[in-house]
């Protein structure tokens, strides 16, 4: 399992939980955005920086803590080519600037 991307490990971990525990895990706000919000954000950011023009994407981005933003940025740099192009440093700078304005 060590060779699988982090998203797949999280998915399998959710499948091992009882349904009510998984729902609670995905929908309970701790500090910042829920896991479900982060996954939705990651899905929308597959479109590249132009996704930052969509209100739903901006709403999700605004919910992130600083730590969550750093994790999202790391994941964006590690996109697999068959899923989406990895984000470049300049794209991440735009993302961070947009997040600061929210």
PDB file of N, CA and C in Angstrom:
ATOM      1  N   UNK A   1       0.807  -1.193   0.000  1.00  0.00           N
ATOM      2  CA  UNK A   1       0.000   0.000   0.000  1.00  0.00           C
ATOM      3  C   UNK A   1       0.855   1.263   0.000  1.00  0.00           C
ATOM      4  N   UNK A   2       2.128   1.137   0.319  1.00  0.00           N
ATOM      5  CA  UNK A   2       3.011   2.293   0.384  1.00  0.00           C
ATOM      6  C   UNK A   2       3.206   2.954  -0.974  1.00  0.00           C
ATOM      7  N   UNK A   3       2.959   2.236  -2.068  1.00  0.00           N
ATOM      8  CA  UNK A   3       3.147   2.807  -3.397  1.00  0.00           C
ATOM      9  C   UNK A   3       1.925   3.564  -3.889  1.00  0.00           C
ATOM     10  N   UNK A   4       0.807   3.497  -3.165  1.00  0.00           N
ATOM     11  CA  UNK A   4      -0.412   4.177  -3.607  1.00  0.00           C
ATOM     12  C   UNK A   4      -0.386   5.636  -3.182  1.00  0.00           C
ATOM     13  N   UNK A   5      -1.006   6.499  -3.991  1.00  0.00           N
ATOM     14  CA  UNK A   5      -1.071   7.912  -3.611  1.00  0.00           C
ATOM     15  C   UNK A   5      -1.878   8.085  -2.320  1.00  0.00           C
ATOM     16  N   UNK A   6      -1.622   9.188  -1.649  1.00  0.00           N
ATOM     17  CA  UNK A   6      -2.287   9.481  -0.374  1.00  0.00           C
ATOM     18  C   UNK A   6      -3.810   9.457  -0.491  1.00  0.00           C
ATOM     19  N   UNK A   7      -4.353   9.943  -1.606  1.00  0.00           N
ATOM     20  CA  UNK A   7      -5.806   9.955  -1.770  1.00  0.00           C
ATOM     21  C   UNK A   7      -6.389   8.543  -1.717  1.00  0.00           C
ATOM     22  N   UNK A   8      -5.704   7.602  -2.308  1.00  0.00           N
ATOM     23  CA  UNK A   8      -6.192   6.216  -2.334  1.00  0.00           C
ATOM     24  C   UNK A   8      -6.114   5.615  -0.941  1.00  0.00           C
ATOM     25  N   UNK A   9      -5.049   5.922  -0.200  1.00  0.00           N
ATOM     26  CA  UNK A   9      -4.943   5.418   1.172  1.00  0.00           C
ATOM     27  C   UNK A   9      -6.084   5.953   2.025  1.00  0.00           C
ATOM     28  N   UNK A  10      -6.404   7.250   1.858  1.00  0.00           N
ATOM     29  CA  UNK A  10      -7.520   7.831   2.622  1.00  0.00           C
ATOM     30  C   UNK A  10      -8.840   7.174   2.237  1.00  0.00           C
ATOM     31  N   UNK A  11      -9.026   6.926   0.945  1.00  0.00           N
ATOM     32  CA  UNK A  11     -10.241   6.277   0.474  1.00  0.00           C
ATOM     33  C   UNK A  11     -10.403   4.900   1.108  1.00  0.00           C
ATOM     34  N   UNK A  12      -9.341   4.097   1.087  1.00  0.00           N
ATOM     35  CA  UNK A  12      -9.416   2.755   1.656  1.00  0.00           C
ATOM     36  C   UNK A  12      -9.646   2.808   3.159  1.00  0.00           C
ATOM     37  N   UNK A  13      -9.058   3.786   3.826  1.00  0.00           N
ATOM     38  CA  UNK A  13      -9.281   3.930   5.267  1.00  0.00           C
ATOM     39  C   UNK A  13     -10.751   4.216   5.555  1.00  0.00           C
ATOM     40  N   UNK A  14     -11.373   5.035   4.714  1.00  0.00           N
ATOM     41  CA  UNK A  14     -12.800   5.328   4.887  1.00  0.00           C
ATOM     42  C   UNK A  14     -13.651   4.082   4.677  1.00  0.00           C
ATOM     43  N   UNK A  15     -13.263   3.238   3.729  1.00  0.00           N
ATOM     44  CA  UNK A  15     -14.029   2.016   3.476  1.00  0.00           C
ATOM     45  C   UNK A  15     -13.962   1.041   4.650  1.00  0.00           C
ATOM     46  N   UNK A  16     -12.894   1.138   5.432  1.00  0.00           N
ATOM     47  CA  UNK A  16     -12.742   0.255   6.585  1.00  0.00           C
ATOM     48  C   UNK A  16     -13.542   0.730   7.796  1.00  0.00           C
ATOM     49  N   UNK A  17     -14.089   1.953   7.726  1.00  0.00           N
ATOM     50  CA  UNK A  17     -14.852   2.508   8.847  1.00  0.00           C
ATOM     51  C   UNK A  17     -16.328   2.167   8.709  1.00  0.00           C
ATOM     52  N   UNK A  18     -17.030   2.089   9.845  1.00  0.00           N
ATOM     53  CA  UNK A  18     -18.495   2.005   9.751  1.00  0.00           C
ATOM     54  C   UNK A  18     -19.023   3.262   9.051  1.00  0.00           C
ATOM     55  N   UNK A  19     -20.142   3.150   8.370  1.00  0.00           N
ATOM     56  CA  UNK A  19     -20.659   4.255   7.551  1.00  0.00           C
ATOM     57  C   UNK A  19     -20.885   5.526   8.365  1.00  0.00           C
ATOM     58  N   UNK A  20     -21.397   5.410   9.580  1.00  0.00           N
ATOM     59  CA  UNK A  20     -21.635   6.613  10.374  1.00  0.00           C
ATOM     60  C   UNK A  20     -20.331   7.271  10.810  1.00  0.00           C
ATOM     61  N   UNK A  21     -19.306   6.484  11.066  1.00  0.00           N
ATOM     62  CA  UNK A  21     -17.991   7.031  11.412  1.00  0.00           C
ATOM     63  C   UNK A  21     -17.373   7.727  10.208  1.00  0.00           C
ATOM     64  N   UNK A  22     -17.477   7.113   9.036  1.00  0.00           N
ATOM     65  CA  UNK A  22     -16.943   7.729   7.817  1.00  0.00           C
ATOM     66  C   UNK A  22     -17.665   9.041   7.526  1.00  0.00           C
ATOM     67  N   UNK A  23     -18.999   9.051   7.666  1.00  0.00           N
ATOM     68  CA  UNK A  23     -19.763  10.283   7.416  1.00  0.00           C
ATOM     69  C   UNK A  23     -19.296  11.370   8.370  1.00  0.00           C
ATOM     70  N   UNK A  24     -19.179  11.026   9.647  1.00  0.00           N
ATOM     71  CA  UNK A  24     -18.735  11.999  10.647  1.00  0.00           C
ATOM     72  C   UNK A  24     -17.332  12.513  10.306  1.00  0.00           C
ATOM     73  N   UNK A  25     -16.453  11.613   9.904  1.00  0.00           N
ATOM     74  CA  UNK A  25     -15.080  11.983   9.549  1.00  0.00           C
ATOM     75  C   UNK A  25     -15.054  12.965   8.379  1.00  0.00           C
ATOM     76  N   UNK A  26     -15.906  12.727   7.392  1.00  0.00           N
ATOM     77  CA  UNK A  26     -15.920  13.563   6.192  1.00  0.00           C
ATOM     78  C   UNK A  26     -16.642  14.887   6.388  1.00  0.00           C
ATOM     79  N   UNK A  27     -17.555  14.950   7.337  1.00  0.00           N
ATOM     80  CA  UNK A  27     -18.425  16.114   7.441  1.00  0.00           C
ATOM     81  C   UNK A  27     -18.294  16.916   8.723  1.00  0.00           C
ATOM     82  N   UNK A  28     -17.390  16.552   9.596  1.00  0.00           N
ATOM     83  CA  UNK A  28     -17.216  17.286  10.840  1.00  0.00           C
ATOM     84  C   UNK A  28     -16.066  18.264  10.683  1.00  0.00           C
ATOM     85  N   UNK A  29     -16.348  19.493  10.953  1.00  0.00           N
ATOM     86  CA  UNK A  29     -15.323  20.532  10.867  1.00  0.00           C
ATOM     87  C   UNK A  29     -14.500  20.495  12.149  1.00  0.00           C
ATOM     88  N   UNK A  30     -13.222  20.352  11.988  1.00  0.00           N
ATOM     89  CA  UNK A  30     -12.319  20.428  13.128  1.00  0.00           C
ATOM     90  C   UNK A  30     -11.723  21.833  13.106  1.00  0.00           C
ATOM     91  N   UNK A  31     -10.609  21.961  12.545  1.00  0.00           N
ATOM     92  CA  UNK A  31     -10.018  23.279  12.333  1.00  0.00           C
ATOM     93  C   UNK A  31      -9.953  23.479  10.826  1.00  0.00           C
ATOM     94  N   UNK A  32     -10.704  24.418  10.325  1.00  0.00           N
ATOM     95  CA  UNK A  32     -10.699  24.665   8.892  1.00  0.00           C
ATOM     96  C   UNK A  32     -11.696  23.805   8.145  1.00  0.00           C
ATOM     97  N   UNK A  33     -11.350  23.471   6.926  1.00  0.00           N
ATOM     98  CA  UNK A  33     -12.246  22.744   6.025  1.00  0.00           C
ATOM     99  C   UNK A  33     -12.330  21.271   6.397  1.00  0.00           C
ATOM    100  N   UNK A  34     -13.483  20.669   6.095  1.00  0.00           N
ATOM    101  CA  UNK A  34     -13.637  19.225   6.286  1.00  0.00           C
ATOM    102  C   UNK A  34     -12.846  18.496   5.206  1.00  0.00           C
ATOM    103  N   UNK A  35     -12.617  17.218   5.437  1.00  0.00           N
ATOM    104  CA  UNK A  35     -11.920  16.405   4.440  1.00  0.00           C
ATOM    105  C   UNK A  35     -12.677  16.400   3.116  1.00  0.00           C
ATOM    106  N   UNK A  36     -14.000  16.344   3.192  1.00  0.00           N
ATOM    107  CA  UNK A  36     -14.823  16.334   1.980  1.00  0.00           C
ATOM    108  C   UNK A  36     -14.641  17.637   1.198  1.00  0.00           C
ATOM    109  N   UNK A  37     -14.569  18.750   1.909  1.00  0.00           N
ATOM    110  CA  UNK A  37     -14.357  20.044   1.247  1.00  0.00           C
ATOM    111  C   UNK A  37     -12.991  20.077   0.563  1.00  0.00           C
ATOM    112  N   UNK A  38     -11.985  19.551   1.230  1.00  0.00           N
ATOM    113  CA  UNK A  38     -10.644  19.534   0.644  1.00  0.00           C
ATOM    114  C   UNK A  38     -10.615  18.649  -0.595  1.00  0.00           C
ATOM    115  N   UNK A  39     -11.244  17.497  -0.527  1.00  0.00           N
ATOM    116  CA  UNK A  39     -11.269  16.606  -1.694  1.00  0.00           C
ATOM    117  C   UNK A  39     -12.029  17.244  -2.850  1.00  0.00           C
ATOM    118  N   UNK A  40     -13.121  17.945  -2.558  1.00  0.00           N
ATOM    119  CA  UNK A  40     -13.862  18.652  -3.606  1.00  0.00           C
ATOM    120  C   UNK A  40     -13.006  19.755  -4.213  1.00  0.00           C
ATOM    121  N   UNK A  41     -12.274  20.457  -3.370  1.00  0.00           N
ATOM    122  CA  UNK A  41     -11.368  21.495  -3.857  1.00  0.00           C
ATOM    123  C   UNK A  41     -10.301  20.896  -4.763  1.00  0.00           C
ATOM    124  N   UNK A  42      -9.705  19.789  -4.331  1.00  0.00           N
ATOM    125  CA  UNK A  42      -8.672  19.148  -5.145  1.00  0.00           C
ATOM    126  C   UNK A  42      -9.228  18.723  -6.498  1.00  0.00           C
ATOM    127  N   UNK A  43     -10.435  18.201  -6.493  1.00  0.00           N
ATOM    128  CA  UNK A  43     -11.048  17.785  -7.756  1.00  0.00           C
ATOM    129  C   UNK A  43     -11.215  18.987  -8.683  1.00  0.00           C
ATOM    130  N   UNK A  44     -11.698  20.108  -8.147  1.00  0.00           N
ATOM    131  CA  UNK A  44     -11.896  21.285  -9.002  1.00  0.00           C
ATOM    132  C   UNK A  44     -10.572  21.873  -9.470  1.00  0.00           C
ATOM    133  N   UNK A  45      -9.523  21.761  -8.659  1.00  0.00           N
ATOM    134  CA  UNK A  45      -8.228  22.329  -9.036  1.00  0.00           C
ATOM    135  C   UNK A  45      -7.506  21.506 -10.099  1.00  0.00           C
ATOM    136  N   UNK A  46      -8.058  20.361 -10.448  1.00  0.00           N
ATOM    137  CA  UNK A  46      -7.494  19.590 -11.563  1.00  0.00           C
ATOM    138  C   UNK A  46      -7.564  20.386 -12.866  1.00  0.00           C
ATOM    139  N   UNK A  47      -8.489  21.338 -12.940  1.00  0.00           N
ATOM    140  CA  UNK A  47      -8.636  22.170 -14.142  1.00  0.00           C
ATOM    141  C   UNK A  47      -7.499  23.172 -14.285  1.00  0.00           C
ATOM    142  N   UNK A  48      -6.674  23.293 -13.255  1.00  0.00           N
ATOM    143  CA  UNK A  48      -5.579  24.243 -13.287  1.00  0.00           C
ATOM    144  C   UNK A  48      -5.988  25.561 -12.645  1.00  0.00           C
ATOM    145  N   UNK A  49      -5.120  26.568 -12.736  1.00  0.00           N
ATOM    146  CA  UNK A  49      -5.385  27.855 -12.091  1.00  0.00           C
ATOM    147  C   UNK A  49      -6.688  28.528 -12.532  1.00  0.00           C
ATOM    148  N   UNK A  50      -7.182  28.200 -13.715  1.00  0.00           N
ATOM    149  CA  UNK A  50      -8.451  28.801 -14.155  1.00  0.00           C
ATOM    150  C   UNK A  50      -9.615  28.388 -13.246  1.00  0.00           C
ATOM    151  N   UNK A  51      -9.437  27.330 -12.473  1.00  0.00           N
ATOM    152  CA  UNK A  51     -10.472  26.914 -11.511  1.00  0.00           C
ATOM    153  C   UNK A  51     -10.682  27.985 -10.440  1.00  0.00           C
ATOM    154  N   UNK A  52      -9.696  28.853 -10.262  1.00  0.00           N
ATOM    155  CA  UNK A  52      -9.797  29.902  -9.252  1.00  0.00           C
ATOM    156  C   UNK A  52     -10.767  31.004  -9.638  1.00  0.00           C
ATOM    157  N   UNK A  53     -11.376  30.899 -10.799  1.00  0.00           N
ATOM    158  CA  UNK A  53     -12.396  31.868 -11.208  1.00  0.00           C
ATOM    159  C   UNK A  53     -13.808  31.392 -10.862  1.00  0.00           C
ATOM    160  N   UNK A  54     -13.931  30.182 -10.336  1.00  0.00           N
ATOM    161  CA  UNK A  54     -15.243  29.607 -10.021  1.00  0.00           C
ATOM    162  C   UNK A  54     -15.598  29.864  -8.558  1.00  0.00           C
ATOM    163  N   UNK A  55     -16.792  30.381  -8.294  1.00  0.00           N
ATOM    164  CA  UNK A  55     -17.199  30.698  -6.916  1.00  0.00           C
ATOM    165  C   UNK A  55     -17.134  29.507  -5.965  1.00  0.00           C
ATOM    166  N   UNK A  56     -17.517  28.317  -6.412  1.00  0.00           N
ATOM    167  CA  UNK A  56     -17.470  27.151  -5.526  1.00  0.00           C
ATOM    168  C   UNK A  56     -16.039  26.841  -5.105  1.00  0.00           C
ATOM    169  N   UNK A  57     -15.116  26.964  -6.034  1.00  0.00           N
ATOM    170  CA  UNK A  57     -13.705  26.717  -5.727  1.00  0.00           C
ATOM    171  C   UNK A  57     -13.207  27.748  -4.716  1.00  0.00           C
ATOM    172  N   UNK A  58     -13.562  29.008  -4.922  1.00  0.00           N
ATOM    173  CA  UNK A  58     -13.136  30.069  -4.009  1.00  0.00           C
ATOM    174  C   UNK A  58     -13.725  29.874  -2.614  1.00  0.00           C
ATOM    175  N   UNK A  59     -14.976  29.442  -2.555  1.00  0.00           N
ATOM    176  CA  UNK A  59     -15.613  29.191  -1.262  1.00  0.00           C
ATOM    177  C   UNK A  59     -14.873  28.096  -0.504  1.00  0.00           C
ATOM    178  N   UNK A  60     -14.526  27.034  -1.192  1.00  0.00           N
ATOM    179  CA  UNK A  60     -13.792  25.936  -0.554  1.00  0.00           C
ATOM    180  C   UNK A  60     -12.386  26.386  -0.134  1.00  0.00           C
ATOM    181  N   UNK A  61     -11.748  27.145  -0.989  1.00  0.00           N
ATOM    182  CA  UNK A  61     -10.400  27.643  -0.688  1.00  0.00           C
ATOM    183  C   UNK A  61     -10.416  28.536   0.550  1.00  0.00           C
ATOM    184  N   UNK A  62     -11.440  29.333   0.711  1.00  0.00           N
ATOM    185  CA  UNK A  62     -11.547  30.250   1.850  1.00  0.00           C
ATOM    186  C   UNK A  62     -11.665  29.509   3.180  1.00  0.00           C
ATOM    187  N   UNK A  63     -12.112  28.273   3.165  1.00  0.00           N
ATOM    188  CA  UNK A  63     -12.314  27.501   4.396  1.00  0.00           C
ATOM    189  C   UNK A  63     -11.034  26.870   4.929  1.00  0.00           C
ATOM    190  N   UNK A  64      -9.973  26.869   4.126  1.00  0.00           N
ATOM    191  CA  UNK A  64      -8.733  26.197   4.524  1.00  0.00           C
ATOM    192  C   UNK A  64      -7.982  26.961   5.605  1.00  0.00           C
ATOM    193  N   UNK A  65      -7.391  26.196   6.513  1.00  0.00           N
ATOM    194  CA  UNK A  65      -6.416  26.781   7.428  1.00  0.00           C
ATOM    195  C   UNK A  65      -5.100  26.913   6.666  1.00  0.00           C
ATOM    196  N   UNK A  66      -4.147  27.570   7.280  1.00  0.00           N
ATOM    197  CA  UNK A  66      -2.834  27.717   6.636  1.00  0.00           C
ATOM    198  C   UNK A  66      -2.185  26.346   6.423  1.00  0.00           C
ATOM    199  N   UNK A  67      -2.308  25.486   7.409  1.00  0.00           N
ATOM    200  CA  UNK A  67      -1.748  24.130   7.302  1.00  0.00           C
ATOM    201  C   UNK A  67      -2.408  23.363   6.161  1.00  0.00           C
ATOM    202  N   UNK A  68      -3.730  23.459   6.052  1.00  0.00           N
ATOM    203  CA  UNK A  68      -4.447  22.778   4.975  1.00  0.00           C
ATOM    204  C   UNK A  68      -4.042  23.337   3.620  1.00  0.00           C
ATOM    205  N   UNK A  69      -3.851  24.646   3.539  1.00  0.00           N
ATOM    206  CA  UNK A  69      -3.413  25.257   2.283  1.00  0.00           C
ATOM    207  C   UNK A  69      -2.064  24.689   1.862  1.00  0.00           C
ATOM    208  N   UNK A  70      -1.143  24.550   2.797  1.00  0.00           N
ATOM    209  CA  UNK A  70       0.169  23.987   2.475  1.00  0.00           C
ATOM    210  C   UNK A  70       0.043  22.546   1.979  1.00  0.00           C
ATOM    211  N   UNK A  71      -0.839  21.777   2.597  1.00  0.00           N
ATOM    212  CA  UNK A  71      -1.052  20.394   2.166  1.00  0.00           C
ATOM    213  C   UNK A  71      -1.648  20.341   0.762  1.00  0.00           C
ATOM    214  N   UNK A  72      -2.603  21.221   0.488  1.00  0.00           N
ATOM    215  CA  UNK A  72      -3.206  21.281  -0.850  1.00  0.00           C
ATOM    216  C   UNK A  72      -2.149  21.651  -1.882  1.00  0.00           C
ATOM    217  N   UNK A  73      -1.313  22.617  -1.557  1.00  0.00           N
ATOM    218  CA  UNK A  73      -0.274  23.043  -2.495  1.00  0.00           C
ATOM    219  C   UNK A  73       0.707  21.899  -2.784  1.00  0.00           C
ATOM    220  N   UNK A  74       1.047  21.144  -1.768  1.00  0.00           N
ATOM    221  CA  UNK A  74       1.933  19.993  -1.966  1.00  0.00           C
ATOM    222  C   UNK A  74       1.272  18.968  -2.877  1.00  0.00           C
ATOM    223  N   UNK A  75       0.004  18.706  -2.640  1.00  0.00           N
ATOM    224  CA  UNK A  75      -0.715  17.744  -3.475  1.00  0.00           C
ATOM    225  C   UNK A  75      -0.809  18.218  -4.923  1.00  0.00           C
ATOM    226  N   UNK A  76      -0.998  19.527  -5.113  1.00  0.00           N
ATOM    227  CA  UNK A  76      -1.078  20.068  -6.470  1.00  0.00           C
ATOM    228  C   UNK A  76       0.240  19.863  -7.223  1.00  0.00           C
ATOM    229  N   UNK A  77       1.344  19.975  -6.524  1.00  0.00           N
ATOM    230  CA  UNK A  77       2.652  19.773  -7.153  1.00  0.00           C
ATOM    231  C   UNK A  77       2.893  18.302  -7.487  1.00  0.00           C
ATOM    232  N   UNK A  78       2.151  17.423  -6.832  1.00  0.00           N
ATOM    233  CA  UNK A  78       2.353  15.990  -7.020  1.00  0.00           C
ATOM    234  C   UNK A  78       1.276  15.326  -7.868  1.00  0.00           C
ATOM    235  N   UNK A  79       0.461  16.124  -8.571  1.00  0.00           N
ATOM    236  CA  UNK A  79      -0.544  15.525  -9.445  1.00  0.00           C
ATOM    237  C   UNK A  79       0.135  14.562 -10.415  1.00  0.00           C
ATOM    238  N   UNK A  80      -0.501  13.436 -10.647  1.00  0.00           N
ATOM    239  CA  UNK A  80      -0.010  12.454 -11.610  1.00  0.00           C
ATOM    240  C   UNK A  80      -0.423  12.921 -13.004  1.00  0.00           C
ATOM    241  N   UNK A  81       0.440  12.794 -13.995  1.00  0.00           N
ATOM    242  CA  UNK A  81       0.136  13.298 -15.338  1.00  0.00           C
ATOM    243  C   UNK A  81      -1.167  12.755 -15.931  1.00  0.00           C
ATOM    244  N   UNK A  82      -1.532  11.531 -15.596  1.00  0.00           N
ATOM    245  CA  UNK A  82      -2.767  10.968 -16.158  1.00  0.00           C
ATOM    246  C   UNK A  82      -4.015  11.515 -15.452  1.00  0.00           C
ATOM    247  N   UNK A  83      -3.839  12.233 -14.353  1.00  0.00           N
ATOM    248  CA  UNK A  83      -4.970  12.843 -13.641  1.00  0.00           C
ATOM    249  C   UNK A  83      -5.082  14.319 -14.014  1.00  0.00           C
ATOM    250  N   UNK A  84      -3.997  15.040 -13.859  1.00  0.00           N
ATOM    251  CA  UNK A  84      -3.970  16.469 -14.166  1.00  0.00           C
ATOM    252  C   UNK A  84      -2.512  16.918 -14.174  1.00  0.00           C
ATOM    253  N   UNK A  85      -2.220  17.994 -14.888  1.00  0.00           N
ATOM    254  CA  UNK A  85      -0.848  18.505 -14.867  1.00  0.00           C
ATOM    255  C   UNK A  85      -0.486  19.017 -13.468  1.00  0.00           C
ATOM    256  N   UNK A  86       0.729  18.754 -13.034  1.00  0.00           N
ATOM    257  CA  UNK A  86       1.201  19.284 -11.756  1.00  0.00           C
ATOM    258  C   UNK A  86       1.260  20.804 -11.845  1.00  0.00           C
ATOM    259  N   UNK A  87       0.950  21.456 -10.746  1.00  0.00           N
ATOM    260  CA  UNK A  87       0.987  22.909 -10.714  1.00  0.00           C
ATOM    261  C   UNK A  87       2.435  23.378 -10.589  1.00  0.00           C
ATOM    262  N   UNK A  88       2.755  24.444 -11.288  1.00  0.00           N
ATOM    263  CA  UNK A  88       4.080  25.046 -11.244  1.00  0.00           C
ATOM    264  C   UNK A  88       4.135  26.055 -10.096  1.00  0.00           C
ATOM    265  N   UNK A  89       5.332  26.470  -9.738  1.00  0.00           N
ATOM    266  CA  UNK A  89       5.505  27.425  -8.634  1.00  0.00           C
ATOM    267  C   UNK A  89       4.713  28.709  -8.859  1.00  0.00           C
ATOM    268  N   UNK A  90       4.704  29.207 -10.085  1.00  0.00           N
ATOM    269  CA  UNK A  90       3.968  30.440 -10.376  1.00  0.00           C
ATOM    270  C   UNK A  90       2.465  30.250 -10.152  1.00  0.00           C
ATOM    271  N   UNK A  91       1.953  29.065 -10.501  1.00  0.00           N
ATOM    272  CA  UNK A  91       0.538  28.771 -10.273  1.00  0.00           C
ATOM    273  C   UNK A  91       0.228  28.739  -8.777  1.00  0.00           C
ATOM    274  N   UNK A  92       1.142  28.164  -8.001  1.00  0.00           N
ATOM    275  CA  UNK A  92       0.956  28.100  -6.548  1.00  0.00           C
ATOM    276  C   UNK A  92       1.010  29.494  -5.936  1.00  0.00           C
ATOM    277  N   UNK A  93       1.837  30.374  -6.495  1.00  0.00           N
ATOM    278  CA  UNK A  93       1.885  31.758  -6.023  1.00  0.00           C
ATOM    279  C   UNK A  93       0.540  32.444  -6.237  1.00  0.00           C
ATOM    280  N   UNK A  94      -0.084  32.176  -7.376  1.00  0.00           N
ATOM    281  CA  UNK A  94      -1.406  32.737  -7.665  1.00  0.00           C
ATOM    282  C   UNK A  94      -2.422  32.189  -6.668  1.00  0.00           C
ATOM    283  N   UNK A  95      -2.389  30.886  -6.430  1.00  0.00           N
ATOM    284  CA  UNK A  95      -3.293  30.264  -5.470  1.00  0.00           C
ATOM    285  C   UNK A  95      -3.155  30.898  -4.097  1.00  0.00           C
ATOM    286  N   UNK A  96      -1.924  31.071  -3.630  1.00  0.00           N
ATOM    287  CA  UNK A  96      -1.677  31.669  -2.311  1.00  0.00           C
ATOM    288  C   UNK A  96      -2.167  33.109  -2.263  1.00  0.00           C
ATOM    289  N   UNK A  97      -1.957  33.865  -3.334  1.00  0.00           N
ATOM    290  CA  UNK A  97      -2.416  35.254  -3.390  1.00  0.00           C
ATOM    291  C   UNK A  97      -3.935  35.332  -3.339  1.00  0.00           C
ATOM    292  N   UNK A  98      -4.592  34.461  -4.088  1.00  0.00           N
ATOM    293  CA  UNK A  98      -6.059  34.433  -4.078  1.00  0.00           C
ATOM    294  C   UNK A  98      -6.551  34.072  -2.685  1.00  0.00           C
ATOM    295  N   UNK A  99      -5.938  33.079  -2.062  1.00  0.00           N
ATOM    296  CA  UNK A  99      -6.337  32.653  -0.706  1.00  0.00           C
ATOM    297  C   UNK A  99      -6.186  33.792   0.299  1.00  0.00           C
ATOM    298  N   UNK A 100      -5.111  34.565   0.196  1.00  0.00           N
ATOM    299  CA  UNK A 100      -4.899  35.700   1.119  1.00  0.00           C
ATOM    300  C   UNK A 100      -6.006  36.727   0.977  1.00  0.00           C
ATOM    301  N   UNK A 101      -6.511  36.924  -0.241  1.00  0.00           N
ATOM    302  CA  UNK A 101      -7.555  37.923  -0.482  1.00  0.00           C
ATOM    303  C   UNK A 101      -8.926  37.468   0.018  1.00  0.00           C
ATOM    304  N   UNK A 102      -9.087  36.173   0.214  1.00  0.00           N
ATOM    305  CA  UNK A 102     -10.391  35.665   0.639  1.00  0.00           C
ATOM    306  C   UNK A 102     -10.578  35.936   2.101  1.00  0.00           C
TER     307      UNK A 102
END
